[in-house]
C-alpha atoms as a PDB file:
ATOM      1  CA  UNK A   1      67.386  82.248  72.534  1.00  0.00           C
ATOM      2  CA  UNK A   2      69.882  83.223  74.846  1.00  0.00           C
ATOM      3  CA  UNK A   3      72.446  85.163  71.848  1.00  0.00           C
ATOM      4  CA  UNK A   4      69.340  86.905  71.061  1.00  0.00           C
ATOM      5  CA  UNK A   5      68.175  88.369  74.610  1.00  0.00           C
ATOM      6  CA  UNK A   6      72.231  89.283  74.137  1.00  0.00           C
ATOM      7  CA  UNK A   7      71.742  91.301  71.610  1.00  0.00           C
ATOM      8  CA  UNK A   8      68.989  92.776  72.156  1.00  0.00           C
ATOM      9  CA  UNK A   9      69.485  94.059  74.897  1.00  0.00           C
ATOM     10  CA  UNK A  10      72.781  95.844  73.139  1.00  0.00           C
ATOM     11  CA  UNK A  11      71.041  97.521  71.165  1.00  0.00           C
ATOM     12  CA  UNK A  12      69.128  99.760  73.593  1.00  0.00           C
ATOM     13  CA  UNK A  13      70.128 103.250  74.318  1.00  0.00           C
ATOM     14  CA  UNK A  14      71.254 103.515  77.541  1.00  0.00           C
ATOM     15  CA  UNK A  15      73.929 100.104  77.455  1.00  0.00           C
ATOM     16  CA  UNK A  16      75.808 101.702  74.017  1.00  0.00           C
ATOM     17  CA  UNK A  17      76.194 104.365  76.684  1.00  0.00           C
ATOM     18  CA  UNK A  18      76.940 102.819  79.763  1.00  0.00           C
ATOM     19  CA  UNK A  19      79.621 101.065  76.598  1.00  0.00           C
ATOM     20  CA  UNK A  20      80.586 104.543  74.774  1.00  0.00           C
ATOM     21  CA  UNK A  21      81.202 105.869  77.597  1.00  0.00           C
ATOM     22  CA  UNK A  22      83.912 103.462  79.546  1.00  0.00           C
ATOM     23  CA  UNK A  23      85.458 103.178  75.486  1.00  0.00           C
ATOM     24  CA  UNK A  24      86.369 106.514  76.110  1.00  0.00           C
ATOM     25  CA  UNK A  25      86.838 107.150  79.804  1.00  0.00           C
ATOM     26  CA  UNK A  26      89.469 103.756  79.158  1.00  0.00           C
ATOM     27  CA  UNK A  27      91.324 105.692  76.144  1.00  0.00           C
ATOM     28  CA  UNK A  28      91.426 108.841  77.793  1.00  0.00           C
ATOM     29  CA  UNK A  29      93.154 107.235  81.183  1.00  0.00           C
ATOM     30  CA  UNK A  30      95.535 104.937  78.859  1.00  0.00           C
ATOM     31  CA  UNK A  31      96.392 108.496  76.990  1.00  0.00           C
ATOM     32  CA  UNK A  32      97.073 109.936  80.676  1.00  0.00           C
ATOM     33  CA  UNK A  33      98.672 107.428  82.305  1.00  0.00           C
ATOM     34  CA  UNK A  34     101.633 107.145  79.851  1.00  0.00           C
ATOM     35  CA  UNK A  35     102.287 110.801  78.497  1.00  0.00           C
ATOM     36  CA  UNK A  36     102.963 111.519  82.560  1.00  0.00           C
ATOM     37  CA  UNK A  37     104.801 108.135  82.422  1.00  0.00           C
ATOM     38  CA  UNK A  38     106.740 110.420  80.004  1.00  0.00           C
ATOM     39  CA  UNK A  39     106.834 113.631  80.998  1.00  0.00           C
ATOM     40  CA  UNK A  40     107.177 112.504  85.146  1.00  0.00           C
ATOM     41  CA  UNK A  41     110.214 109.963  84.130  1.00  0.00           C
ATOM     42  CA  UNK A  42     112.889 112.097  83.823  1.00  0.00           C
ATOM     43  CA  UNK A  43     111.800 113.980  87.204  1.00  0.00           C
ATOM     44  CA  UNK A  44     112.042 110.103  89.047  1.00  0.00           C
ATOM     45  CA  UNK A  45     115.960 109.532  89.362  1.00  0.00           C
ATOM     46  CA  UNK A  46     116.668 109.488  92.692  1.00  0.00           C
ATOM     47  CA  UNK A  47     112.923 106.809  93.115  1.00  0.00           C
ATOM     48  CA  UNK A  48     112.828 103.125  91.971  1.00  0.00           C
ATOM     49  CA  UNK A  49     110.321 103.163  88.850  1.00  0.00           C
ATOM     50  CA  UNK A  50     107.858  99.333  89.194  1.00  0.00           C
ATOM     51  CA  UNK A  51     108.270  98.438  85.792  1.00  0.00           C
ATOM     52  CA  UNK A  52     106.879  95.218  86.003  1.00  0.00           C
ATOM     53  CA  UNK A  53     106.504  94.795  81.989  1.00  0.00           C
ATOM     54  CA  UNK A  54     107.905  96.191  78.660  1.00  0.00           C
ATOM     55  CA  UNK A  55     104.888  96.549  77.149  1.00  0.00           C
ATOM     56  CA  UNK A  56     104.263 100.420  78.403  1.00  0.00           C
ATOM     57  CA  UNK A  57     100.144  99.866  78.194  1.00  0.00           C
ATOM     58  CA  UNK A  58     100.425  97.264  80.726  1.00  0.00           C
ATOM     59  CA  UNK A  59     103.635  99.360  82.618  1.00  0.00           C
ATOM     60  CA  UNK A  60     101.634 102.275  83.878  1.00  0.00           C
ATOM     61  CA  UNK A  61      98.964 100.346  85.788  1.00  0.00           C
ATOM     62  CA  UNK A  62     101.125  97.743  88.496  1.00  0.00           C
ATOM     63  CA  UNK A  63     102.857 100.876  90.320  1.00  0.00           C
ATOM     64  CA  UNK A  64     101.852  99.904  93.867  1.00  0.00           C
ATOM     65  CA  UNK A  65     100.100  96.917  94.082  1.00  0.00           C
ATOM     66  CA  UNK A  66     101.917  94.374  90.990  1.00  0.00           C
ATOM     67  CA  UNK A  67     104.747  93.928  93.234  1.00  0.00           C
ATOM     68  CA  UNK A  68     102.659  91.894  96.055  1.00  0.00           C
ATOM     69  CA  UNK A  69     100.471  90.438  94.159  1.00  0.00           C
ATOM     70  CA  UNK A  70     103.847  88.947  90.821  1.00  0.00           C
ATOM     71  CA  UNK A  71     105.352  87.744  94.694  1.00  0.00           C
ATOM     72  CA  UNK A  72     101.922  85.442  96.319  1.00  0.00           C
ATOM     73  CA  UNK A  73     101.670  84.362  92.837  1.00  0.00           C
ATOM     74  CA  UNK A  74     105.800  83.352  92.687  1.00  0.00           C
ATOM     75  CA  UNK A  75     105.920  82.463  96.611  1.00  0.00           C
ATOM     76  CA  UNK A  76     102.998  82.163  98.345  1.00  0.00           C
ATOM     77  CA  UNK A  77     101.371  84.285 101.293  1.00  0.00           C
ATOM     78  CA  UNK A  78     104.887  84.519 103.735  1.00  0.00           C
ATOM     79  CA  UNK A  79     104.824  86.891 106.647  1.00  0.00           C
ATOM     80  CA  UNK A  80     108.582  87.478 105.547  1.00  0.00           C
ATOM     81  CA  UNK A  81     109.774  91.191 103.734  1.00  0.00           C
ATOM     82  CA  UNK A  82     110.211  90.248 100.551  1.00  0.00           C
ATOM     83  CA  UNK A  83     113.742  90.649  99.229  1.00  0.00           C
ATOM     84  CA  UNK A  84     113.035  90.752  96.019  1.00  0.00           C
ATOM     85  CA  UNK A  85     113.636  93.635  93.359  1.00  0.00           C
ATOM     86  CA  UNK A  86     109.910  93.233  92.769  1.00  0.00           C
ATOM     87  CA  UNK A  87     108.435  94.343  96.507  1.00  0.00           C
ATOM     88  CA  UNK A  88     111.850  95.738  98.430  1.00  0.00           C
ATOM     89  CA  UNK A  89     111.305  94.561 101.129  1.00  0.00           C
ATOM     90  CA  UNK A  90     108.063  94.196 101.787  1.00  0.00           C
ATOM     91  CA  UNK A  91     105.930  91.376 103.050  1.00  0.00           C
ATOM     92  CA  UNK A  92     102.724  90.665 101.653  1.00  0.00           C
ATOM     93  CA  UNK A  93     100.221  89.175 104.108  1.00  0.00           C
ATOM     94  CA  UNK A  94      99.180  92.396 105.172  1.00  0.00           C
ATOM     95  CA  UNK A  95      98.272  93.708 101.839  1.00  0.00           C
ATOM     96  CA  UNK A  96      96.293  90.982 101.138  1.00  0.00           C
ATOM     97  CA  UNK A  97      94.563  90.294 104.181  1.00  0.00           C
ATOM     98  CA  UNK A  98      93.340  94.670 104.589  1.00  0.00           C
ATOM     99  CA  UNK A  99      91.927  94.048 101.106  1.00  0.00           C
ATOM    100  CA  UNK A 100      89.583  91.194 102.228  1.00  0.00           C
ATOM    101  CA  UNK A 101      88.786  93.624 105.046  1.00  0.00           C
ATOM    102  CA  UNK A 102      87.657  96.915 102.680  1.00  0.00           C
ATOM    103  CA  UNK A 103      86.614  94.342 100.148  1.00  0.00           C
ATOM    104  CA  UNK A 104      83.932  93.028 102.486  1.00  0.00           C
ATOM    105  CA  UNK A 105      83.646  96.375 104.418  1.00  0.00           C
ATOM    106  CA  UNK A 106      81.982  97.948 100.824  1.00  0.00           C
ATOM    107  CA  UNK A 107      80.044  94.008 100.496  1.00  0.00           C
ATOM    108  CA  UNK A 108      77.902  95.115 103.794  1.00  0.00           C
ATOM    109  CA  UNK A 109      77.229  98.632 103.084  1.00  0.00           C
ATOM    110  CA  UNK A 110      76.488  98.167  99.391  1.00  0.00           C
ATOM    111  CA  UNK A 111      73.479  95.609 100.482  1.00  0.00           C
ATOM    112  CA  UNK A 112      72.128  97.814 103.337  1.00  0.00           C
ATOM    113  CA  UNK A 113      71.632  99.924 100.735  1.00  0.00           C
ATOM    114  CA  UNK A 114      70.791  98.067  98.280  1.00  0.00           C
ATOM    115  CA  UNK A 115      68.357  97.073 100.568  1.00  0.00           C
ATOM    116  CA  UNK A 116      67.327 100.445 101.657  1.00  0.00           C
ATOM    117  CA  UNK A 117      68.320 101.527 104.497  1.00  0.00           C
ATOM    118  CA  UNK A 118      69.829 104.088 103.429  1.00  0.00           C
ATOM    119  CA  UNK A 119      66.595 106.129 103.155  1.00  0.00           C
ATOM    120  CA  UNK A 120      67.016 106.390 107.571  1.00  0.00           C
ATOM    121  CA  UNK A 121      70.777 108.409 106.954  1.00  0.00           C
END
């Protein structure tokens, strides 16, 4: 019964459109990411390139925050500056607290927007 409802939901034209648009944007963004990494890599001579994977499809998206998250997984939260190549003298505590605060703010704004308070603004 549940599978039938899911299949019927996926057959709706607006859902098909959303899925198609999502897939097209992922393909276009992957192409842009890979081509820009290949083209601009020769210009980044003096800049440290953050590469956490040998797979280029994963490497193009893991540029800045990946080091923080990998450091948290390996070492936990810390106020001390990192000494590994992934973090290069950066701490991970502040960035994650900022992400939490921004997520709460976003949730707060979404709740107010969906409850009709956008009509007042």
